[in-house]
């Protein structure tokens, strides 16, 4: 389910996924197939990890990578869940065809 809530976002962020919702900053973003697909990939990740563990792992990975990179945005870009979503956001069939726990191969730099 897609909802629009523009006061929810920090800086340049335009979308996020909190099970079972895709929350977007602007109504027009509903029609951005790549953005919506990116968030759909996160829905699949959340579902396969039974929702709460996803948020826990996401936060822990972000914290560890923030220390590693000494930069919170670079850490965000390198979270395995984000790397999988960014790498596959243009493939509109990916949320349906992805294999379970596909994010694992994005944990380490290649």
Protein backbone atom coordinates (compact mmCIF):
# COMPACT_ATOMS: atom_id res chain seq x y z
CA UNK A 1 0.00 0.00 0.00
CA UNK A 2 1.41 3.39 -1.01
CA UNK A 3 0.82 6.47 1.16
CA UNK A 4 2.07 10.03 0.76
CA UNK A 5 3.35 11.94 3.76
CA UNK A 6 5.68 14.75 2.82
CA UNK A 7 6.54 15.90 6.35
CA UNK A 8 8.02 12.53 7.23
CA UNK A 9 11.25 12.92 5.26
CA UNK A 10 14.69 14.25 6.05
CA UNK A 11 16.66 16.20 3.41
CA UNK A 12 16.67 14.55 -0.02
CA UNK A 13 15.01 11.26 0.94
CA UNK A 14 11.84 10.68 -1.07
CA UNK A 15 10.60 7.24 -0.08
CA UNK A 16 10.81 4.55 2.53
CA UNK A 17 9.19 1.31 3.40
CA UNK A 18 7.67 0.41 6.74
CA UNK A 19 5.83 -2.87 6.46
CA UNK A 20 3.29 -2.99 4.84
CA UNK A 21 3.45 0.60 3.60
CA UNK A 22 5.52 2.39 1.00
CA UNK A 23 5.67 5.99 2.19
CA UNK A 24 6.48 8.65 -0.40
CA UNK A 25 7.28 12.34 -0.06
CA UNK A 26 5.16 13.53 -3.01
CA UNK A 27 2.03 12.22 -4.71
CA UNK A 28 3.78 12.30 -8.09
CA UNK A 29 6.32 9.73 -6.86
CA UNK A 30 3.59 7.08 -7.01
CA UNK A 31 4.21 7.06 -10.76
CA UNK A 32 7.99 6.66 -10.48
CA UNK A 33 8.22 2.95 -11.27
CA UNK A 34 11.90 2.69 -10.30
CA UNK A 35 11.40 4.35 -6.90
CA UNK A 36 8.33 2.23 -6.13
CA UNK A 37 10.20 -0.89 -7.25
CA UNK A 38 13.13 -0.02 -4.97
CA UNK A 39 10.70 0.15 -2.05
CA UNK A 40 8.96 -3.08 -3.16
CA UNK A 41 12.35 -4.81 -2.90
CA UNK A 42 12.55 -3.59 0.69
CA UNK A 43 9.06 -4.99 1.34
CA UNK A 44 10.28 -8.40 0.18
CA UNK A 45 13.37 -8.13 2.39
CA UNK A 46 11.22 -7.21 5.38
CA UNK A 47 8.79 -10.04 4.72
CA UNK A 48 11.47 -12.72 4.43
CA UNK A 49 13.09 -11.57 7.70
CA UNK A 50 9.73 -11.46 9.48
CA UNK A 51 9.75 -7.64 9.64
CA UNK A 52 11.31 -6.72 13.00
CA UNK A 53 14.62 -8.55 12.44
CA UNK A 54 14.96 -6.57 9.18
CA UNK A 55 14.90 -3.27 11.07
CA UNK A 56 17.30 -4.59 13.69
CA UNK A 57 19.80 -5.87 11.09
CA UNK A 58 19.44 -2.70 9.02
CA UNK A 59 20.23 -0.53 12.04
CA UNK A 60 23.16 -2.70 13.21
CA UNK A 61 24.67 -2.78 9.73
CA UNK A 62 24.26 0.99 9.39
CA UNK A 63 25.94 1.56 12.78
CA UNK A 64 28.88 -0.72 11.98
CA UNK A 65 29.39 0.77 8.54
CA UNK A 66 29.14 4.31 9.91
CA UNK A 67 32.08 3.49 12.17
CA UNK A 68 33.91 1.78 9.29
CA UNK A 69 33.40 4.60 6.76
CA UNK A 70 33.23 7.45 9.29
CA UNK A 71 30.35 8.78 7.20
CA UNK A 72 26.68 7.99 7.87
CA UNK A 73 25.52 8.57 4.28
CA UNK A 74 28.25 6.36 2.83
CA UNK A 75 27.27 3.76 5.42
CA UNK A 76 23.64 3.98 4.24
CA UNK A 77 24.74 3.50 0.62
CA UNK A 78 26.62 0.35 1.62
CA UNK A 79 23.97 -1.38 3.71
CA UNK A 80 23.37 -4.75 2.05
CA UNK A 81 19.61 -4.14 1.84
CA UNK A 82 20.17 -0.83 0.05
CA UNK A 83 22.85 -2.23 -2.24
CA UNK A 84 20.48 -5.00 -3.37
CA UNK A 85 17.63 -2.53 -3.90
CA UNK A 86 19.74 -0.02 -5.83
CA UNK A 87 21.36 -2.74 -7.95
CA UNK A 88 17.99 -4.14 -9.00
CA UNK A 89 15.56 -1.21 -8.89
CA UNK A 90 15.41 -0.95 -12.71
CA UNK A 91 14.33 -4.60 -13.03
CA UNK A 92 10.61 -4.25 -12.41
CA UNK A 93 10.20 -8.04 -12.13
CA UNK A 94 12.92 -8.39 -9.50
CA UNK A 95 10.69 -8.29 -6.39
CA UNK A 96 8.83 -11.32 -7.74
CA UNK A 97 11.81 -13.22 -9.18
CA UNK A 98 14.42 -12.56 -6.45
CA UNK A 99 15.66 -15.47 -4.43
CA UNK A 100 15.19 -15.53 -0.67
CA UNK A 101 17.94 -13.78 1.31
CA UNK A 102 19.47 -12.29 -1.84
CA UNK A 103 20.69 -9.34 0.22
CA UNK A 104 23.40 -11.57 1.75
CA UNK A 105 25.57 -11.43 -1.37
CA UNK A 106 25.61 -7.62 -0.97
CA UNK A 107 27.03 -7.70 2.57
CA UNK A 108 30.63 -7.46 1.43
CA UNK A 109 32.25 -5.24 -1.16
CA UNK A 110 32.87 -7.01 -4.43
